[in-house]
Amino acid sequence: MSATLGAMIKQLEPSWTIQIYEALGDVALESSNPWNNAGTGHSALCELNYTPERSDGTIDTSSAVKVNEQFQVSRQFWSFLVAEGALPQPDAFINSTPHMSFVWGEKNVEYLRKRHEALREHPLFQGLEFSTDSSVIRSWAPVLIPGRAKGQPIAATRIAAGTDVDFGSLTRLLLTYLQGEGALLEVDHRVTNLTKLADGTWRVALRKQVGGTPTTVDARFVFVGAGGGALHLLQKSGIDEIKGFGGFPVSGEFLRCDDPAIVGKHQAKVYGKAAVGSPPMSVPHLDTRVVDGQASLMFGPYAGFSPKFLKHGSMFDLFASIRAHNLYPMIRAGLANLSLVKYLVGQLAASKQTKFEALREFMPDADPKDWYRITAGQRVQVIKKDRKKGGVLQFGTEVITAADGTIAGLLGASPGASTAVPIMLSVLERCFPDRIAAWKPRLNAMIPTYGDDLSSDERRAASTIGATAEALHIHA
C-alpha cells in the first residue's frame, strides 16, 4: 500500500519529498511477502466467498463485480508504470495462471452451475468456462482427478487469463523506482510516536532498531501503511477517527511443495468452498505460486491464533491495542462471532493427518513427504463500532483518514494488495480533495478508466482488459 501510494504521488507531484520508514531490515517481509499471502491477484474469478447464494437460491454477484473492477484498476496502473519504464518486464512480478473454482457434492455442483450462469455474460467475466466432466477438468488441472472416487459429483469453472502476483517483488520494484526518483528509504527504523504540531504538520518519532538514538522528522502528510502495526500507530496519533476501532489477529499456515515433477502437473489457482459456518478467510485453495521465477504449489490456509499483530510483532500486541473507546465494540464483536472462535479452536486442535486430508480433498494422490508446512502472515481483522450491534467484525479493509486529511492509514486484510491502487486513489481523494481536479488529466493517463464504471460498458471492458493483458504479458 505504501509503495503504491508513493508511486502515485511521485507521478502526480514529482517535486514532493517522500520519506519511507521500515521497521524491519528489508521491505516486504510482512504481509507483502509472497509466502505470507495468497498472491492471487484477487479478481473474484475463482473466489466463491465473493458470490454468496441468497435465501431464494439466486447468486449475489455484487461483491465479485466490485473486486474485479478494483483489480482492473490496479492492472491499469501497473501497465502504465511498465510503459513508463518505472517497472521492469512484467514477469518480474506477475505471471499468467488460470483461475479455477472446484467443488464436489450435488448441492455445491448446483451452486457452481448457478454462479457460472450469473457471471458468464458479465463484461468482466468473459471466458468463464464450466464443466462437470472429469476428463475436461483433468485437462484443466490434472492433479484434481486421479484417486478420486468414480461417480462423485464434481464441477469446476475456469478462466485461462488469471494471474499470480508476487506482491513482495512488486513492492520492492516500486520502492526501487521511488528511490531512483529521489525518495528516501530507511530500513531498521521503527516509528515510535506521531504527534500533531501547532502548525498542522506531524512530528514522526523514530528509533533505529540497533544502537541508534531517537530522531524525529516533520511531515505535512503521513500515511500509515504498517499492516497489522497500523492500528497502534493510528491510536498513538490521537485522531478522533480511530476511536472505536479494534483488531482481532488471526495467524495461519500453508502446505508448500517445491518438487518440479509435482509442480509441473498443476498450473492454476484452484479455490474451493468454505465449510458451512467457516469464516471467509478459511476458503481452501491449491495455488501455483511463482516467486523469484521459481514455481511452487501452496495449499491452505489452516487458521491459527496468536495475539501478535505482525509476524515479527509482540505477544502483547492485542492487549496493547485495547482502549476504553474500543473495549465495548471488541466485546460485542467477540460475542457475535463465537463461531469464529469455535473454528479457530478446531483448527488449533486438528492433527497433522486431519489437515493433510483437507489437501487430499483437492488432490487425492497427494503424498505427505512431498509437502512441508510454512507459516503465513498475520491478518488483523477490523473491529468497529456499530450503532445497532455495538461492535462488528469486518473482513474487508478500512481506510482511516483524519478530518483535515493530514494523516491516513489502512486497517484490515482482504482483498488487500490486489486492490491497492483503488484504495490508494481513495486516500488521495479524501486527503487532497482540492488537488483532484488538477490531477485528473494525469490520473486518467495513469488509469484510463479513472472515475468511470468499467463493468457497465462491455466494449470498453473488453478493450481495457485486453490492453492491460498485452502490456503485462498475460496470456489465456
Foldseek 3Di string as FASTA:
>chain_A
DVLLLLLVVCLQPVPDAAEAEAQAPDPCPFCLAQQQDPQFLDQLLAQCVCWDADPVRATDNVSNLVSNLLLLQVLLLVLLCCVVVLFDALVLWKAFFKAKEKEWDPVVLVSVVNVCVVPCPFLSNDQKDKDQDLVVVCVQFVLQDPPDDPPTGMMMIIHRLTMGGNSSSVSVSSVVSSVVSPYHYHYQKDFDAWEQDPVRWIKTWIARNPPGDIDIDIGQAAEQAPQLCSLVHVVRHVFPLSFQKAWFKKWWKKKKFQPCVVQVRGGHKYWYDDDPLEDSVFTWIWHWHQHSNGTMIIITTQIEHACASWPPGDSCNRVVSDDPRHPQQVVLQCVVNVSHVVSRVVSVPDDPVRVVVVVCNRRVPDDVVRIDMDIHIMWIWMWGQDPVRRIHTHQDKDWGAHQQLRYIYIHHDPPPPSSVNVVSVVSCCRNPVVCCVVSVVVSCSSRVQVPHSLRVDSVSSVVSVVVSCVSSVRDD
